[in-house]
Each structure stands twice: as C-alpha cells, then as structure tokens.
Amino acid sequence: MLHLLALQSLPEQQRLLTSLTESDLFFPVAFLVLGLLVVLFGYMAHRWIVVVNCVALGFWLGGLLGQRAQIATVAAVLGALLFGAISWPLMKYAVAVCGGLVGAIIGMAVWAYCEQPLNMAWAGGLVGLAVLGMLSFILFKTSVILFTSVQGALMFVLGAAALFIRYTPWSSQAQDAFTHRPILMPLLVLSIALLGLIWQHQKHGLIGNEGAPGGAGKSAGGEKK
C-alpha cells in the first residue's frame, strides 16, 4: 500500500493543485475554510474529523478494489459506509490509522525531498506510519493534535494556493513557483502546522493521553474519584 502511494500520489502534488485550481469555486474555498478550522479546532472536533477521514479512506479503497470487478461506485459507497460505521466505536484505532497515514505522507515527502529514490519512498512512509501510529496509543492527545495540524495545514495551503493562482494577477508566478520549487508547498504546510500546534497547545496542552477511549485519561479520572 505504501509503495503504491509513493509511486502514484507523492509526485502528484502539482496535479492535485491543478485539479483544485480548475474545479468549481466551492472546492478550493471548502479546502481553505475546513483546513483552517481543522488547524485551529482539530482536537476539539477530532471524533468527527476521524469519522470523515475514515469515510473518505473507505470510499477510496472500495473504489480501488471495485475497479477490477467493474463495480467501483458500488464498492466505494459500501467501503465508505463500512469504514464510517466502524470508526466511531473503534475510535482509538481509527485515530491510529489517521495518524499513521499522515505520518506516512510526511515520511514519504521527507524521503522525496531528500532526493532519495522515489521507488523506495515506501521506506520513509513506513517510518512515519509506525511513529505516528504508535504514538496514538501512548500519547493520544499528542497524536490527535499533530495529525489534525498537519492535515488542516495541507488542506488550507492547497485551497489558498488554488485561489491565489486562480484569482490574483500573480497567478503565473505562483504557478511557476509551485511547479519548479516543489519544496515550497511542504514548507508552507510545515509553517502553518507549527502555528496550529502552538495554538492547540495553548488551548489544550500538547503532551498527554487525555481523550483516548478507555485510555489513561479515564483511568486517572477514576482514581481521583
């Protein structure tokens, strides 16, 4: 799976930005607004964010598996319903999946921008997957704040860049910058994610396991009683 993502998704930063730029106005605006909300309030709304992420993941995986049987749409809908239904009662594991996937994307991006062979990008993705996935079982709050900050920052940057390219007089310069300087977008995402981390840390504290379903936060509360 990571190898497939590395080969098909990692080099497609420009294609994704182009798709958003050429799409209806609603999509880049939605990416920008929702991304900002996720960066600022990711921990408070993490259950709904995780459910939506799982629905999207189920839709993608179902469509991918259904292509061979030529029932891509039906399989995608079934996958979305299934993943969405099981994500709520299995929230701890759903958070681990979301955190692990964000970690995998970060790992593959770091691998690519260190000019390592793209056909081995799965190795960097595997490290990121393991680190953030396991972190959710040890420090639940930390994992949630980390992956929501990165996910929200990515959505915000994509939406803002698409609108900037589409509606400003500097669209050609911006398009060239994102095309010929692929490090630009990760730097923007990292900068906004760091701001989100600082903001959410001020509101909730970054380090901790509070909020984990059946986790240490509940146990500690029970002992105090």
Protein backbone atom coordinates (compact mmCIF):
# COMPACT_ATOMS: atom_id res chain seq x y z
CA MET A 1 0.00 0.00 0.00
CA LEU A 2 2.77 2.45 0.93
CA HIS A 3 4.66 1.54 -2.23
CA LEU A 4 1.51 2.26 -4.27
CA LEU A 5 1.03 5.61 -2.53
CA ALA A 6 4.66 6.51 -3.08
CA LEU A 7 4.56 5.82 -6.78
CA GLN A 8 1.10 7.24 -7.54
CA SER A 9 0.46 10.02 -5.01
CA LEU A 10 3.77 11.54 -3.94
CA PRO A 11 4.78 13.04 -7.30
CA GLU A 12 1.20 14.29 -7.89
CA GLN A 13 1.38 17.46 -5.79
CA GLN A 14 1.13 19.60 -8.92
CA ARG A 15 -1.73 17.56 -10.38
CA LEU A 16 -3.77 17.92 -7.20
CA LEU A 17 -3.20 21.67 -7.14
CA THR A 18 -4.13 21.92 -10.82
CA SER A 19 -7.33 19.94 -10.24
CA LEU A 20 -8.34 22.27 -7.43
CA THR A 21 -7.50 25.33 -9.49
CA GLU A 22 -9.64 24.15 -12.41
CA SER A 23 -12.54 22.90 -10.27
CA ASP A 24 -15.63 24.82 -9.14
CA LEU A 25 -15.01 27.67 -6.73
CA PHE A 26 -16.68 25.70 -3.93
CA PHE A 27 -13.88 23.14 -3.64
CA PRO A 28 -10.85 25.40 -3.04
CA VAL A 29 -12.93 27.59 -0.71
CA ALA A 30 -14.09 24.49 1.20
CA PHE A 31 -10.49 23.26 1.46
CA LEU A 32 -9.34 26.63 2.77
CA VAL A 33 -12.13 27.09 5.33
CA LEU A 34 -12.22 23.49 6.56
CA GLY A 35 -8.43 23.35 6.71
CA LEU A 36 -8.33 26.47 8.88
CA LEU A 37 -10.98 25.03 11.21
CA VAL A 38 -9.11 21.73 11.49
CA VAL A 39 -5.85 23.53 12.30
CA LEU A 40 -7.49 25.64 15.00
CA PHE A 41 -10.00 23.21 16.50
CA GLY A 42 -8.75 19.78 15.45
CA TYR A 43 -8.55 18.32 18.93
CA MET A 44 -12.00 19.55 19.97
CA ALA A 45 -13.64 18.02 16.88
CA HIS A 46 -11.28 15.09 16.39
CA ARG A 47 -14.00 12.42 16.53
CA TRP A 48 -15.88 13.90 13.58
CA ILE A 49 -12.66 14.57 11.68
CA VAL A 50 -11.60 10.94 12.15
CA VAL A 51 -15.00 9.66 11.00
CA VAL A 52 -14.88 11.83 7.86
CA ASN A 53 -11.31 10.68 7.19
CA CYS A 54 -12.36 7.04 7.54
CA VAL A 55 -15.34 7.56 5.22
CA ALA A 56 -13.01 9.08 2.61
CA LEU A 57 -10.49 6.26 3.09
CA GLY A 58 -13.22 3.63 2.75
CA PHE A 59 -14.55 5.32 -0.39
CA TRP A 60 -11.07 5.36 -1.95
CA LEU A 61 -10.19 1.79 -1.01
CA GLY A 62 -13.61 0.48 -2.06
CA GLY A 63 -13.35 2.17 -5.43
CA LEU A 64 -9.82 0.88 -5.89
CA LEU A 65 -10.82 -2.71 -5.12
CA GLY A 66 -14.07 -2.48 -7.09
CA GLN A 67 -12.35 -1.40 -10.30
CA ARG A 68 -11.29 -4.95 -11.09
CA ALA A 69 -14.85 -6.21 -10.77
CA GLN A 70 -16.21 -3.13 -12.61
CA ILE A 71 -18.33 -2.12 -9.62
CA ALA A 72 -16.16 0.77 -8.50
CA THR A 73 -19.01 3.10 -7.50
CA VAL A 74 -20.93 0.48 -5.53
CA ALA A 75 -17.77 -0.77 -3.83
CA ALA A 76 -16.71 2.80 -3.00
CA VAL A 77 -20.05 3.59 -1.35
CA LEU A 78 -20.02 0.32 0.59
CA GLY A 79 -16.44 0.94 1.70
CA ALA A 80 -17.32 4.45 2.87
CA LEU A 81 -20.33 3.20 4.86
CA LEU A 82 -18.37 0.35 6.40
CA PHE A 83 -15.36 2.42 7.44
CA GLY A 84 -17.56 5.21 8.73
CA ALA A 85 -19.69 2.80 10.79
CA ILE A 86 -16.77 1.07 12.50
CA SER A 87 -14.68 4.20 13.10
CA TRP A 88 -16.84 5.57 15.93
CA PRO A 89 -16.87 2.52 18.23
CA LEU A 90 -13.21 1.83 17.38
CA MET A 91 -12.13 5.45 17.74
CA LYS A 92 -8.74 4.68 19.33
CA TYR A 93 -7.75 2.52 16.37
CA ALA A 94 -9.29 4.90 13.83
CA VAL A 95 -7.14 7.70 15.28
CA ALA A 96 -4.11 5.43 14.96
CA VAL A 97 -4.96 4.82 11.29
CA CYS A 98 -5.40 8.54 10.57
CA GLY A 99 -2.24 9.48 12.44
CA GLY A 100 -0.33 6.68 10.74
CA LEU A 101 -1.45 7.75 7.27
CA VAL A 102 -0.48 11.37 7.92
CA GLY A 103 2.86 10.11 9.26
CA ALA A 104 3.33 8.00 6.13
CA ILE A 105 2.73 11.01 3.89
CA ILE A 106 5.20 13.07 5.92
CA GLY A 107 7.76 10.27 5.78
CA MET A 108 7.43 9.86 2.01
CA ALA A 109 7.61 13.63 1.48
CA VAL A 110 10.79 13.87 3.55
CA TRP A 111 12.23 10.92 1.64
CA ALA A 112 11.46 12.53 -1.72
CA TYR A 113 12.77 15.97 -0.82
CA CYS A 114 16.00 14.42 0.48
CA GLU A 115 16.43 13.30 -3.15
CA GLN A 116 16.20 9.61 -2.35
CA PRO A 117 14.87 7.14 -5.00
CA LEU A 118 11.10 7.51 -5.31
CA ASN A 119 10.64 3.77 -5.81
CA MET A 120 11.89 3.35 -2.23
CA ALA A 121 9.74 6.13 -0.74
CA TRP A 122 7.66 3.47 1.00
CA ALA A 123 10.56 3.09 3.45
CA GLY A 124 10.24 6.68 4.63
CA GLY A 125 6.48 6.28 4.68
CA LEU A 126 6.75 3.16 6.80
CA VAL A 127 8.81 5.00 9.41
CA GLY A 128 6.28 7.83 9.58
CA LEU A 129 3.40 5.35 9.74
CA ALA A 130 4.97 3.48 12.64
CA VAL A 131 5.93 6.58 14.61
CA LEU A 132 2.62 8.45 14.47
CA GLY A 133 0.51 5.29 14.52
CA MET A 134 2.15 4.00 17.70
CA LEU A 135 2.19 7.47 19.23
CA SER A 136 -1.61 7.49 19.31
CA PHE A 137 -1.62 4.57 21.76
CA ILE A 138 0.97 6.20 24.03
CA LEU A 139 0.06 9.90 23.80
CA PHE A 140 -3.43 10.11 22.33
CA LYS A 141 -3.86 13.88 22.61
CA THR A 142 -0.41 14.50 21.13
CA SER A 143 -1.14 12.28 18.14
CA VAL A 144 -4.51 13.94 17.50
CA ILE A 145 -3.08 17.46 17.65
CA LEU A 146 -0.17 16.50 15.41
CA PHE A 147 -2.17 14.88 12.65
CA THR A 148 -5.00 17.44 12.69
CA SER A 149 -2.48 20.29 12.49
CA VAL A 150 -0.73 18.72 9.50
CA GLN A 151 -3.94 17.67 7.76
CA GLY A 152 -5.57 21.06 8.29
CA ALA A 153 -2.45 22.89 7.14
CA LEU A 154 -2.29 20.82 3.96
CA MET A 155 -5.96 21.50 3.16
CA PHE A 156 -5.55 25.21 3.89
CA VAL A 157 -2.43 25.57 1.72
CA LEU A 158 -3.98 23.69 -1.20
CA GLY A 159 -7.16 25.78 -1.07
CA ALA A 160 -5.33 29.08 -0.62
CA ALA A 161 -2.83 28.28 -3.40
CA ALA A 162 -5.62 27.30 -5.81
CA LEU A 163 -7.49 30.55 -5.11
CA PHE A 164 -4.28 32.58 -5.38
CA ILE A 165 -3.42 31.03 -8.74
CA ARG A 166 -6.97 31.44 -9.99
CA TYR A 167 -7.89 34.97 -8.95
CA THR A 168 -4.76 37.11 -8.49
CA PRO A 169 -2.62 38.99 -11.02
CA TRP A 170 0.38 36.91 -9.88
CA SER A 171 -1.13 33.59 -10.88
CA SER A 172 1.55 32.72 -13.44
CA GLN A 173 4.37 33.47 -10.99
CA ALA A 174 2.68 31.40 -8.30
CA GLN A 175 2.09 28.53 -10.71
CA ASP A 176 5.76 28.58 -11.73
CA ALA A 177 6.87 28.69 -8.10
CA PHE A 178 4.84 25.61 -7.14
CA THR A 179 5.89 23.80 -10.32
CA HIS A 180 9.62 24.46 -10.23
CA ARG A 181 10.08 24.62 -6.46
CA PRO A 182 8.28 21.55 -5.12
CA ILE A 183 9.73 22.20 -1.65
CA LEU A 184 7.60 25.36 -1.39
CA MET A 185 4.33 23.63 -0.54
CA PRO A 186 5.79 21.38 2.20
CA LEU A 187 7.44 24.44 3.75
CA LEU A 188 4.14 26.31 3.77
CA VAL A 189 2.34 23.29 5.24
CA LEU A 190 5.01 22.88 7.90
CA SER A 191 4.85 26.57 8.86
CA ILE A 192 1.06 26.58 9.24
CA ALA A 193 1.10 23.21 11.02
CA LEU A 194 3.58 24.62 13.56
CA LEU A 195 1.29 27.60 14.16
CA GLY A 196 -1.59 25.17 14.64
CA LEU A 197 0.48 23.12 17.09
CA ILE A 198 1.28 26.21 19.13
CA TRP A 199 -2.36 27.35 19.13
CA GLN A 200 -3.77 23.96 20.11
CA HIS A 201 -1.02 23.53 22.72
CA GLN A 202 -2.07 26.83 24.30
CA LYS A 203 -5.69 25.69 24.37
CA HIS A 204 -5.33 22.02 25.35
CA GLY A 205 -1.69 21.21 26.08
CA LEU A 206 0.27 19.15 23.61
CA ILE A 207 1.55 16.26 25.71
CA GLY A 208 -0.92 13.81 27.17
CA ASN A 209 -3.18 10.82 26.67
CA GLU A 210 -6.43 12.54 27.64
CA GLY A 211 -9.40 11.88 25.42
CA ALA A 212 -8.33 8.34 24.50
CA PRO A 213 -11.33 5.95 24.54
CA GLY A 214 -10.78 3.71 27.55
CA GLY A 215 -7.28 5.19 27.93
CA ALA A 216 -5.12 6.66 30.64
CA GLY A 217 -7.14 9.85 30.88
CA LYS A 218 -10.24 7.99 32.06
CA SER A 219 -8.26 5.77 34.39
CA ALA A 220 -6.65 8.75 36.06
CA GLY A 221 -10.03 10.39 36.50
CA GLY A 222 -11.37 7.21 38.07
CA GLU A 223 -8.52 7.05 40.57
CA LYS A 224 -9.09 10.63 41.65
CA LYS A 225 -12.68 9.82 42.44
